[in-house]
């Protein structure tokens, strides 16, 4: 029992240090807001085929846009979806925040 707890603690330490390395690597970098299927796959850490399969879980016009045959993905919302896919309320707040900052939703000056 104690060995199992020690192994879990070690795994958590390794995960925390990996997250710190990732955070420091991307710190200061401006991540792109939009990308193609390959960029979406890289952001989510899955294959391009898995990205295509996830379309039924995403909202067209929010998570991705179709321009003819070309599909463009909202990478920021895909990252949020991946973290919050089991907490739809949290993800809906992220969508609302993203929509609020769109130029089309800003008030015109008089």
Foldseek 3Di string as FASTA:
>chain_A
DVVVVVVVVVVVVVVVVVVVVVCVVCPPPDDDQKDFLVVLCVLLVHDSVVVVVCPVVDDEVQQWDDDDPTIMGGNVLSNVCSVCVVPVVSSVVVSVVVVCPDPVNDDDDD
